[in-house]
Amino acid sequence: MRFSIARFALVAAFAGALFGAPVQALAQAPAPVRLTLAYDGHLIFKVLEMRFEEEVGPDGFAADVHLNSSGILAAFKHFDIAANARGRDEGGAPRPGEFSYVNHDGKRVRHLQVTWGHDQVAMTTTPPFSNLGEPPASAAQKLIAADPVTQLVRVTLASTRAGPCNGDSHFFDGKQYYLLDLVPAGAGELNDHARDLGLVNPIRCTVRYHEIAGFKPKPPEKRNGGLKGPITVTFGQLGAHGPWVIAQLQAETPLGYANILLRTAQLTGAKPHD
């Protein structure tokens, strides 16, 4: 499977920055809040587009992501991924419930669905995976993790001044279980376009990606998704008390530096931090 969020910058490293930090209680959103973000990814030329939309209310959340290759990348590595997650408010924080996606990679179409229950995580996929990795993700690992889309919702609702820069986060995408270690790296800087969109309070973080289970066997030094160093992410808030969003992401890949930039941002309804 290729929905590993840490690979979205060039096929995946974008959401390597999508991190589950301490979050604002969903119950503090008195009415539905809708956030829509659009990104462009560049490796010298534009190579991908991503659109993210979430709605948060008193009882839970719903979020959708559409990611597709663009430009020269589409000629060599086609992908078109539509993913969604639905979750609940459990103790004042977004918890995974259902996660699904459809991926058109130019050769086949894969449908996958993951459901988090009280004591187990169930997965179905068509076509079936030829294997679930060596070793496969364990039941315990799946339960402590969240899907990539839910993790992005957690980013937007981070409630501390440090924002999303705060330690390890556990991901399970239906097959692969991996960690992202996100560490504060000082004050960030917003470009003119991000400021025009209304972003303030920039912070910078470094993110390291670690493959744990559900992958092909490889030596420890190769369990980094092919990245040549940590990912650097600049976050900002959409308004003084608004949600945290990724303003810019940079990662060194074997093909050069990948750069992901926020193109549009729109927030409607009451703000989650009001």
C-alpha atoms as a PDB file:
ATOM      1  CA  MET A   1       0.000   0.000   0.000  1.00  0.00           C
ATOM      2  CA  ARG A   2       1.184   3.522  -0.722  1.00  0.00           C
ATOM      3  CA  PHE A   3      -0.983   5.659   1.566  1.00  0.00           C
ATOM      4  CA  SER A   4       1.834   6.048   4.110  1.00  0.00           C
ATOM      5  CA  ILE A   5       1.524   9.689   5.100  1.00  0.00           C
ATOM      6  CA  ALA A   6       5.232  10.049   5.558  1.00  0.00           C
ATOM      7  CA  ARG A   7       5.643   9.540   1.782  1.00  0.00           C
ATOM      8  CA  PHE A   8       3.488  12.368   0.515  1.00  0.00           C
ATOM      9  CA  ALA A   9       6.258  14.692  -0.528  1.00  0.00           C
ATOM     10  CA  LEU A  10       7.054  13.019  -3.794  1.00  0.00           C
ATOM     11  CA  VAL A  11       4.782  10.176  -3.395  1.00  0.00           C
ATOM     12  CA  ALA A  12       4.451  10.418   0.319  1.00  0.00           C
ATOM     13  CA  ALA A  13       6.370  12.704   2.627  1.00  0.00           C
ATOM     14  CA  PHE A  14       3.684  15.393   2.957  1.00  0.00           C
ATOM     15  CA  ALA A  15       1.877  14.058   5.912  1.00  0.00           C
ATOM     16  CA  GLY A  16       5.028  13.086   7.584  1.00  0.00           C
ATOM     17  CA  ALA A  17       4.256  16.340   9.291  1.00  0.00           C
ATOM     18  CA  LEU A  18       0.757  15.391  10.249  1.00  0.00           C
ATOM     19  CA  PHE A  19       1.123  14.866  13.924  1.00  0.00           C
ATOM     20  CA  GLY A  20      -1.203  14.003  16.780  1.00  0.00           C
ATOM     21  CA  ALA A  21      -0.594  16.517  19.523  1.00  0.00           C
ATOM     22  CA  PRO A  22      -2.623  17.443  22.623  1.00  0.00           C
ATOM     23  CA  VAL A  23      -5.977  18.644  21.331  1.00  0.00           C
ATOM     24  CA  GLN A  24      -8.752  21.017  22.208  1.00  0.00           C
ATOM     25  CA  ALA A  25     -11.875  19.255  23.442  1.00  0.00           C
ATOM     26  CA  LEU A  26     -14.351  18.814  20.634  1.00  0.00           C
ATOM     27  CA  ALA A  27     -17.166  19.692  22.999  1.00  0.00           C
ATOM     28  CA  GLN A  28     -15.856  23.268  22.984  1.00  0.00           C
ATOM     29  CA  ALA A  29     -16.999  23.694  19.395  1.00  0.00           C
ATOM     30  CA  PRO A  30     -20.661  24.782  19.897  1.00  0.00           C
ATOM     31  CA  ALA A  31     -21.500  24.532  16.188  1.00  0.00           C
ATOM     32  CA  PRO A  32     -19.976  22.740  13.204  1.00  0.00           C
ATOM     33  CA  VAL A  33     -16.646  24.215  12.106  1.00  0.00           C
ATOM     34  CA  ARG A  34     -15.498  23.609   8.545  1.00  0.00           C
ATOM     35  CA  LEU A  35     -11.855  23.976   7.505  1.00  0.00           C
ATOM     36  CA  THR A  36     -10.716  23.618   3.888  1.00  0.00           C
ATOM     37  CA  LEU A  37      -7.040  23.609   2.858  1.00  0.00           C
ATOM     38  CA  ALA A  38      -5.321  23.138  -0.510  1.00  0.00           C
ATOM     39  CA  TYR A  39      -1.620  22.441  -1.115  1.00  0.00           C
ATOM     40  CA  ASP A  40       0.787  22.217  -4.035  1.00  0.00           C
ATOM     41  CA  GLY A  41       3.915  20.050  -3.974  1.00  0.00           C
ATOM     42  CA  HIS A  42       7.067  20.824  -5.937  1.00  0.00           C
ATOM     43  CA  LEU A  43      10.244  18.979  -6.885  1.00  0.00           C
ATOM     44  CA  ILE A  44      11.620  21.748  -9.085  1.00  0.00           C
ATOM     45  CA  PHE A  45       8.309  21.396 -10.953  1.00  0.00           C
ATOM     46  CA  LYS A  46       4.837  20.941  -9.500  1.00  0.00           C
ATOM     47  CA  VAL A  47       4.324  17.236  -8.768  1.00  0.00           C
ATOM     48  CA  LEU A  48       1.251  16.896  -6.549  1.00  0.00           C
ATOM     49  CA  GLU A  49      -1.922  18.538  -5.323  1.00  0.00           C
ATOM     50  CA  MET A  50      -3.736  17.925  -2.060  1.00  0.00           C
ATOM     51  CA  ARG A  51      -7.067  19.109  -0.695  1.00  0.00           C
ATOM     52  CA  PHE A  52      -8.137  18.610   2.920  1.00  0.00           C
ATOM     53  CA  GLU A  53     -11.552  19.348   4.395  1.00  0.00           C
ATOM     54  CA  GLU A  54     -12.753  18.750   7.939  1.00  0.00           C
ATOM     55  CA  GLU A  55     -15.898  19.437   9.913  1.00  0.00           C
ATOM     56  CA  VAL A  56     -15.770  19.388  13.704  1.00  0.00           C
ATOM     57  CA  GLY A  57     -18.833  19.460  15.944  1.00  0.00           C
ATOM     58  CA  PRO A  58     -19.734  18.746  19.578  1.00  0.00           C
ATOM     59  CA  ASP A  59     -19.852  14.966  19.127  1.00  0.00           C
ATOM     60  CA  GLY A  60     -17.106  14.211  16.637  1.00  0.00           C
ATOM     61  CA  PHE A  61     -15.485  14.983  13.318  1.00  0.00           C
ATOM     62  CA  ALA A  62     -15.483  14.095   9.644  1.00  0.00           C
ATOM     63  CA  ALA A  63     -12.565  14.760   7.308  1.00  0.00           C
ATOM     64  CA  ASP A  64     -11.694  14.087   3.690  1.00  0.00           C
ATOM     65  CA  VAL A  65      -8.412  14.200   1.773  1.00  0.00           C
ATOM     66  CA  HIS A  66      -7.893  14.105  -1.984  1.00  0.00           C
ATOM     67  CA  LEU A  67      -4.296  13.653  -3.130  1.00  0.00           C
ATOM     68  CA  ASN A  68      -3.169  13.262  -6.726  1.00  0.00           C
ATOM     69  CA  SER A  69       0.036  13.369  -8.736  1.00  0.00           C
ATOM     70  CA  SER A  70       0.475  16.331 -11.046  1.00  0.00           C
ATOM     71  CA  GLY A  71       2.758  17.505 -13.822  1.00  0.00           C
ATOM     72  CA  ILE A  72       5.840  15.464 -14.647  1.00  0.00           C
ATOM     73  CA  LEU A  73       5.344  13.106 -11.688  1.00  0.00           C
ATOM     74  CA  ALA A  74       1.982  11.977 -13.058  1.00  0.00           C
ATOM     75  CA  ALA A  75       3.734  10.689 -16.181  1.00  0.00           C
ATOM     76  CA  PHE A  76       5.969   8.365 -14.148  1.00  0.00           C
ATOM     77  CA  LYS A  77       4.137   7.712 -10.877  1.00  0.00           C
ATOM     78  CA  HIS A  78       0.400   8.160 -11.144  1.00  0.00           C
ATOM     79  CA  PHE A  79      -1.737   8.160  -8.018  1.00  0.00           C
ATOM     80  CA  ASP A  80      -5.169   9.511  -7.195  1.00  0.00           C
ATOM     81  CA  ILE A  81      -6.192   8.925  -3.583  1.00  0.00           C
ATOM     82  CA  ALA A  82      -9.510   9.827  -1.981  1.00  0.00           C
ATOM     83  CA  ALA A  83      -9.495   9.168   1.767  1.00  0.00           C
ATOM     84  CA  ASN A  84     -11.882   9.960   4.583  1.00  0.00           C
ATOM     85  CA  ALA A  85     -12.097   9.498   8.323  1.00  0.00           C
ATOM     86  CA  ARG A  86     -14.953   9.720  10.777  1.00  0.00           C
ATOM     87  CA  GLY A  87     -14.334   9.801  14.507  1.00  0.00           C
ATOM     88  CA  ARG A  88     -15.768  10.567  17.895  1.00  0.00           C
ATOM     89  CA  ASP A  89     -15.169  12.745  20.905  1.00  0.00           C
ATOM     90  CA  GLU A  90     -13.766  10.457  23.585  1.00  0.00           C
ATOM     91  CA  GLY A  91     -12.708  12.253  26.726  1.00  0.00           C
ATOM     92  CA  GLY A  92     -12.528  15.551  24.888  1.00  0.00           C
ATOM     93  CA  ALA A  93     -10.220  14.460  22.053  1.00  0.00           C
ATOM     94  CA  PRO A  94     -10.647  13.208  18.468  1.00  0.00           C
ATOM     95  CA  ARG A  95     -10.442   9.399  18.396  1.00  0.00           C
ATOM     96  CA  PRO A  96     -10.354   7.265  15.251  1.00  0.00           C
ATOM     97  CA  GLY A  97     -13.544   5.512  14.252  1.00  0.00           C
ATOM     98  CA  GLU A  98     -13.635   4.655  10.559  1.00  0.00           C
ATOM     99  CA  PHE A  99     -10.992   5.296   7.919  1.00  0.00           C
ATOM    100  CA  SER A 100     -11.255   4.410   4.244  1.00  0.00           C
ATOM    101  CA  TYR A 101      -9.668   5.244   0.962  1.00  0.00           C
ATOM    102  CA  VAL A 102      -9.748   4.495  -2.747  1.00  0.00           C
ATOM    103  CA  ASN A 103      -6.431   4.634  -4.614  1.00  0.00           C
ATOM    104  CA  HIS A 104      -6.126   4.689  -8.407  1.00  0.00           C
ATOM    105  CA  ASP A 105      -2.439   4.104  -9.172  1.00  0.00           C
ATOM    106  CA  GLY A 106      -2.681   3.628 -12.922  1.00  0.00           C
ATOM    107  CA  LYS A 107      -2.481  -0.165 -12.671  1.00  0.00           C
ATOM    108  CA  ARG A 108      -5.295  -1.040 -10.297  1.00  0.00           C
ATOM    109  CA  VAL A 109      -7.848   0.425  -7.930  1.00  0.00           C
ATOM    110  CA  ARG A 110      -7.568  -0.413  -4.232  1.00  0.00           C
ATOM    111  CA  HIS A 111     -10.416   0.012  -1.734  1.00  0.00           C
ATOM    112  CA  LEU A 112      -9.548  -0.145   1.957  1.00  0.00           C
ATOM    113  CA  GLN A 113     -11.536   0.340   5.150  1.00  0.00           C
ATOM    114  CA  VAL A 114     -10.338   0.288   8.765  1.00  0.00           C
ATOM    115  CA  THR A 115     -12.628   0.367  11.808  1.00  0.00           C
ATOM    116  CA  TRP A 116     -11.448   1.039  15.359  1.00  0.00           C
ATOM    117  CA  GLY A 117     -13.449  -0.790  17.992  1.00  0.00           C
ATOM    118  CA  HIS A 118     -13.118  -0.896  21.763  1.00  0.00           C
ATOM    119  CA  ASP A 119     -10.613  -3.747  21.819  1.00  0.00           C
ATOM    120  CA  GLN A 120      -9.713  -4.424  18.191  1.00  0.00           C
ATOM    121  CA  VAL A 121      -9.048  -2.801  14.821  1.00  0.00           C
ATOM    122  CA  ALA A 122     -10.574  -4.466  11.755  1.00  0.00           C
ATOM    123  CA  MET A 123      -9.354  -3.993   8.176  1.00  0.00           C
ATOM    124  CA  THR A 124     -10.787  -5.043   4.824  1.00  0.00           C
ATOM    125  CA  THR A 125      -9.266  -4.373   1.411  1.00  0.00           C
ATOM    126  CA  THR A 126      -9.957  -5.153  -2.236  1.00  0.00           C
ATOM    127  CA  PRO A 127      -7.803  -6.501  -3.777  1.00  0.00           C
ATOM    128  CA  PRO A 128      -6.267  -8.227  -0.738  1.00  0.00           C
ATOM    129  CA  PHE A 129      -2.653  -7.512   0.198  1.00  0.00           C
ATOM    130  CA  SER A 130      -0.209 -10.228  -0.830  1.00  0.00           C
ATOM    131  CA  ASN A 131       1.272  -9.958   2.681  1.00  0.00           C
ATOM    132  CA  LEU A 132       0.946  -7.720   5.740  1.00  0.00           C
ATOM    133  CA  GLY A 133       4.647  -7.029   6.212  1.00  0.00           C
ATOM    134  CA  GLU A 134       7.458  -8.572   8.256  1.00  0.00           C
ATOM    135  CA  PRO A 135       6.493  -8.261  11.009  1.00  0.00           C
ATOM    136  CA  PRO A 136       2.826  -7.329  10.521  1.00  0.00           C
ATOM    137  CA  ALA A 137       1.335  -4.681  12.782  1.00  0.00           C
ATOM    138  CA  SER A 138       0.130  -6.184  16.050  1.00  0.00           C
ATOM    139  CA  ALA A 139      -3.305  -5.721  17.584  1.00  0.00           C
ATOM    140  CA  ALA A 140      -1.805  -3.564  20.344  1.00  0.00           C
ATOM    141  CA  GLN A 141       0.004  -1.326  17.863  1.00  0.00           C
ATOM    142  CA  LYS A 142      -3.161  -0.771  15.842  1.00  0.00           C
ATOM    143  CA  LEU A 143      -5.161   0.153  18.938  1.00  0.00           C
ATOM    144  CA  ILE A 144      -2.749   2.855  20.127  1.00  0.00           C
ATOM    145  CA  ALA A 145      -2.453   4.373  16.649  1.00  0.00           C
ATOM    146  CA  ALA A 146      -4.728   6.546  14.534  1.00  0.00           C
ATOM    147  CA  ASP A 147      -5.148   6.796  10.794  1.00  0.00           C
ATOM    148  CA  PRO A 148      -3.362   9.589   8.870  1.00  0.00           C
ATOM    149  CA  VAL A 149      -6.495  11.680   8.283  1.00  0.00           C
ATOM    150  CA  THR A 150      -7.484  11.618  11.959  1.00  0.00           C
ATOM    151  CA  GLN A 151      -3.928  12.648  12.826  1.00  0.00           C
ATOM    152  CA  LEU A 152      -4.321  15.686  10.585  1.00  0.00           C
ATOM    153  CA  VAL A 153      -7.520  16.628  12.411  1.00  0.00           C
ATOM    154  CA  ARG A 154      -5.556  16.421  15.665  1.00  0.00           C
ATOM    155  CA  VAL A 155      -2.976  18.806  14.225  1.00  0.00           C
ATOM    156  CA  THR A 156      -5.564  21.464  13.442  1.00  0.00           C
ATOM    157  CA  LEU A 157      -7.017  21.248  16.971  1.00  0.00           C
ATOM    158  CA  ALA A 158      -3.735  21.378  18.903  1.00  0.00           C
ATOM    159  CA  SER A 159      -4.484  23.561  21.901  1.00  0.00           C
ATOM    160  CA  THR A 160      -1.083  24.487  23.345  1.00  0.00           C
ATOM    161  CA  ARG A 161       1.162  27.394  22.338  1.00  0.00           C
ATOM    162  CA  ALA A 162       3.692  24.809  21.160  1.00  0.00           C
ATOM    163  CA  GLY A 163       1.067  23.706  18.687  1.00  0.00           C
ATOM    164  CA  PRO A 164       1.639  20.303  17.117  1.00  0.00           C
ATOM    165  CA  CYS A 165       5.392  20.110  17.985  1.00  0.00           C
ATOM    166  CA  ASN A 166       5.290  17.627  20.826  1.00  0.00           C
ATOM    167  CA  GLY A 167       6.857  14.146  20.749  1.00  0.00           C
ATOM    168  CA  ASP A 168       5.916  10.847  19.139  1.00  0.00           C
ATOM    169  CA  SER A 169       2.742  10.011  17.262  1.00  0.00           C
ATOM    170  CA  HIS A 170       1.553   6.550  16.216  1.00  0.00           C
ATOM    171  CA  PHE A 171       0.067   5.952  12.758  1.00  0.00           C
ATOM    172  CA  PHE A 172      -1.721   2.924  11.290  1.00  0.00           C
ATOM    173  CA  ASP A 173      -2.924   3.199   7.688  1.00  0.00           C
ATOM    174  CA  GLY A 174      -4.553  -0.232   7.342  1.00  0.00           C
ATOM    175  CA  LYS A 175      -1.296  -2.100   6.785  1.00  0.00           C
ATOM    176  CA  GLN A 176       1.687  -0.068   7.933  1.00  0.00           C
ATOM    177  CA  TYR A 177       2.403   1.068  11.484  1.00  0.00           C
ATOM    178  CA  TYR A 178       4.926   3.883  11.872  1.00  0.00           C
ATOM    179  CA  LEU A 179       6.008   6.662  14.212  1.00  0.00           C
ATOM    180  CA  LEU A 180       6.600  10.338  13.632  1.00  0.00           C
ATOM    181  CA  ASP A 181       8.840  12.135  16.107  1.00  0.00           C
ATOM    182  CA  LEU A 182       8.128  15.868  15.981  1.00  0.00           C
ATOM    183  CA  VAL A 183      10.457  18.236  17.846  1.00  0.00           C
ATOM    184  CA  PRO A 184      10.248  22.051  18.260  1.00  0.00           C
ATOM    185  CA  ALA A 185      12.873  23.881  16.173  1.00  0.00           C
ATOM    186  CA  GLY A 186      12.302  27.496  17.151  1.00  0.00           C
ATOM    187  CA  ALA A 187      10.222  30.294  15.714  1.00  0.00           C
ATOM    188  CA  GLY A 188       9.048  29.820  12.160  1.00  0.00           C
ATOM    189  CA  GLU A 189       8.719  32.325   9.343  1.00  0.00           C
ATOM    190  CA  LEU A 190       5.692  32.742   7.095  1.00  0.00           C
ATOM    191  CA  ASN A 191       5.944  33.797   3.475  1.00  0.00           C
ATOM    192  CA  ASP A 192       3.857  36.676   2.120  1.00  0.00           C
ATOM    193  CA  HIS A 193       1.208  34.354   0.681  1.00  0.00           C
ATOM    194  CA  ALA A 194       0.677  32.555   4.006  1.00  0.00           C
ATOM    195  CA  ARG A 195       0.298  35.882   5.803  1.00  0.00           C
ATOM    196  CA  ASP A 196      -2.190  37.027   3.171  1.00  0.00           C
ATOM    197  CA  LEU A 197      -4.228  33.889   3.910  1.00  0.00           C
ATOM    198  CA  GLY A 198      -4.446  34.978   7.565  1.00  0.00           C
ATOM    199  CA  LEU A 199      -1.801  32.754   9.180  1.00  0.00           C
ATOM    200  CA  VAL A 200      -0.093  34.011  12.351  1.00  0.00           C
ATOM    201  CA  ASN A 201       2.050  32.649  15.218  1.00  0.00           C
ATOM    202  CA  PRO A 202       4.459  30.577  13.082  1.00  0.00           C
ATOM    203  CA  ILE A 203       6.450  27.771  14.675  1.00  0.00           C
ATOM    204  CA  ARG A 204       8.948  25.390  13.105  1.00  0.00           C
ATOM    205  CA  CYS A 205       9.343  21.688  13.811  1.00  0.00           C
ATOM    206  CA  THR A 206      11.523  18.842  12.618  1.00  0.00           C
ATOM    207  CA  VAL A 207       9.917  15.470  11.952  1.00  0.00           C
ATOM    208  CA  ARG A 208      11.631  12.086  11.787  1.00  0.00           C
ATOM    209  CA  TYR A 209       9.830   9.110  10.306  1.00  0.00           C
ATOM    210  CA  HIS A 210      10.344   5.557  11.633  1.00  0.00           C
ATOM    211  CA  GLU A 211       8.938   2.406  10.018  1.00  0.00           C
ATOM    212  CA  ILE A 212       7.926  -0.127  12.685  1.00  0.00           C
ATOM    213  CA  ALA A 213       5.663  -2.872  11.287  1.00  0.00           C
ATOM    214  CA  GLY A 214       3.752  -3.792   8.141  1.00  0.00           C
ATOM    215  CA  PHE A 215       6.699  -3.110   5.816  1.00  0.00           C
ATOM    216  CA  LYS A 216       9.082  -5.230   3.800  1.00  0.00           C
ATOM    217  CA  PRO A 217      12.082  -6.325   5.903  1.00  0.00           C
ATOM    218  CA  LYS A 218      15.005  -3.904   5.731  1.00  0.00           C
ATOM    219  CA  PRO A 219      17.930  -2.803   7.945  1.00  0.00           C
ATOM    220  CA  PRO A 220      17.225  -0.081  10.541  1.00  0.00           C
ATOM    221  CA  GLU A 221      19.070   2.619   8.600  1.00  0.00           C
ATOM    222  CA  LYS A 222      16.700   2.082   5.659  1.00  0.00           C
ATOM    223  CA  ARG A 223      13.484   2.449   7.651  1.00  0.00           C
ATOM    224  CA  ASN A 224      13.088   6.150   6.893  1.00  0.00           C
ATOM    225  CA  GLY A 225      10.844   6.138   3.826  1.00  0.00           C
ATOM    226  CA  GLY A 226      13.783   7.033   1.581  1.00  0.00           C
ATOM    227  CA  LEU A 227      14.163  10.486   3.132  1.00  0.00           C
ATOM    228  CA  LYS A 228      17.726  11.788   3.431  1.00  0.00           C
ATOM    229  CA  GLY A 229      17.092  13.709   6.643  1.00  0.00           C
ATOM    230  CA  PRO A 230      14.359  15.039   8.911  1.00  0.00           C
ATOM    231  CA  ILE A 231      11.344  16.834   7.479  1.00  0.00           C
ATOM    232  CA  THR A 232      11.113  20.539   8.321  1.00  0.00           C
ATOM    233  CA  VAL A 233       7.613  21.904   8.854  1.00  0.00           C
ATOM    234  CA  THR A 234       6.352  25.424   9.488  1.00  0.00           C
ATOM    235  CA  PHE A 235       2.964  25.632  11.194  1.00  0.00           C
ATOM    236  CA  GLY A 236       0.797  28.688  11.658  1.00  0.00           C
ATOM    237  CA  GLN A 237      -2.598  29.455  13.140  1.00  0.00           C
ATOM    238  CA  LEU A 238      -5.435  30.556  10.874  1.00  0.00           C
ATOM    239  CA  GLY A 239      -6.221  33.632  12.934  1.00  0.00           C
ATOM    240  CA  ALA A 240      -5.035  34.415  16.454  1.00  0.00           C
ATOM    241  CA  HIS A 241      -7.190  31.679  18.021  1.00  0.00           C
ATOM    242  CA  GLY A 242      -7.797  29.551  14.949  1.00  0.00           C
ATOM    243  CA  PRO A 243      -6.742  26.051  13.953  1.00  0.00           C
ATOM    244  CA  TRP A 244      -3.120  25.084  13.321  1.00  0.00           C
ATOM    245  CA  VAL A 245      -2.265  24.344   9.709  1.00  0.00           C
ATOM    246  CA  ILE A 246       0.864  23.399   7.808  1.00  0.00           C
ATOM    247  CA  ALA A 247       2.139  26.474   5.971  1.00  0.00           C
ATOM    248  CA  GLN A 248       5.218  24.870   4.433  1.00  0.00           C
ATOM    249  CA  LEU A 249       6.981  21.510   4.457  1.00  0.00           C
ATOM    250  CA  GLN A 250      10.439  20.665   3.146  1.00  0.00           C
ATOM    251  CA  ALA A 251      12.099  17.255   2.849  1.00  0.00           C
ATOM    252  CA  GLU A 252      15.254  16.035   1.127  1.00  0.00           C
ATOM    253  CA  THR A 253      14.512  13.065  -1.117  1.00  0.00           C
ATOM    254  CA  PRO A 254      16.732  11.049  -3.483  1.00  0.00           C
ATOM    255  CA  LEU A 255      15.433  13.291  -6.294  1.00  0.00           C
ATOM    256  CA  GLY A 256      16.111  16.574  -4.499  1.00  0.00           C
ATOM    257  CA  TYR A 257      14.234  18.816  -2.084  1.00  0.00           C
ATOM    258  CA  ALA A 258      10.472  18.419  -1.962  1.00  0.00           C
ATOM    259  CA  ASN A 259       8.591  21.568  -1.028  1.00  0.00           C
ATOM    260  CA  ILE A 260       4.903  21.596  -0.026  1.00  0.00           C
ATOM    261  CA  LEU A 261       3.158  24.974   0.179  1.00  0.00           C
ATOM    262  CA  LEU A 262      -0.263  26.028   1.395  1.00  0.00           C
ATOM    263  CA  ARG A 263      -2.205  27.452  -1.559  1.00  0.00           C
ATOM    264  CA  THR A 264      -5.645  28.258  -0.091  1.00  0.00           C
ATOM    265  CA  ALA A 265      -7.266  28.192   3.363  1.00  0.00           C
ATOM    266  CA  GLN A 266     -10.857  28.794   4.392  1.00  0.00           C
ATOM    267  CA  LEU A 267     -12.515  28.562   7.811  1.00  0.00           C
ATOM    268  CA  THR A 268     -16.272  28.818   8.310  1.00  0.00           C
ATOM    269  CA  GLY A 269     -18.398  28.535  11.437  1.00  0.00           C
ATOM    270  CA  ALA A 270     -17.290  29.048  15.022  1.00  0.00           C
ATOM    271  CA  LYS A 271     -13.571  28.581  15.584  1.00  0.00           C
ATOM    272  CA  PRO A 272     -12.505  25.477  17.563  1.00  0.00           C
ATOM    273  CA  HIS A 273     -10.453  27.613  19.970  1.00  0.00           C
ATOM    274  CA  ASP A 274     -13.150  30.209  20.749  1.00  0.00           C
END
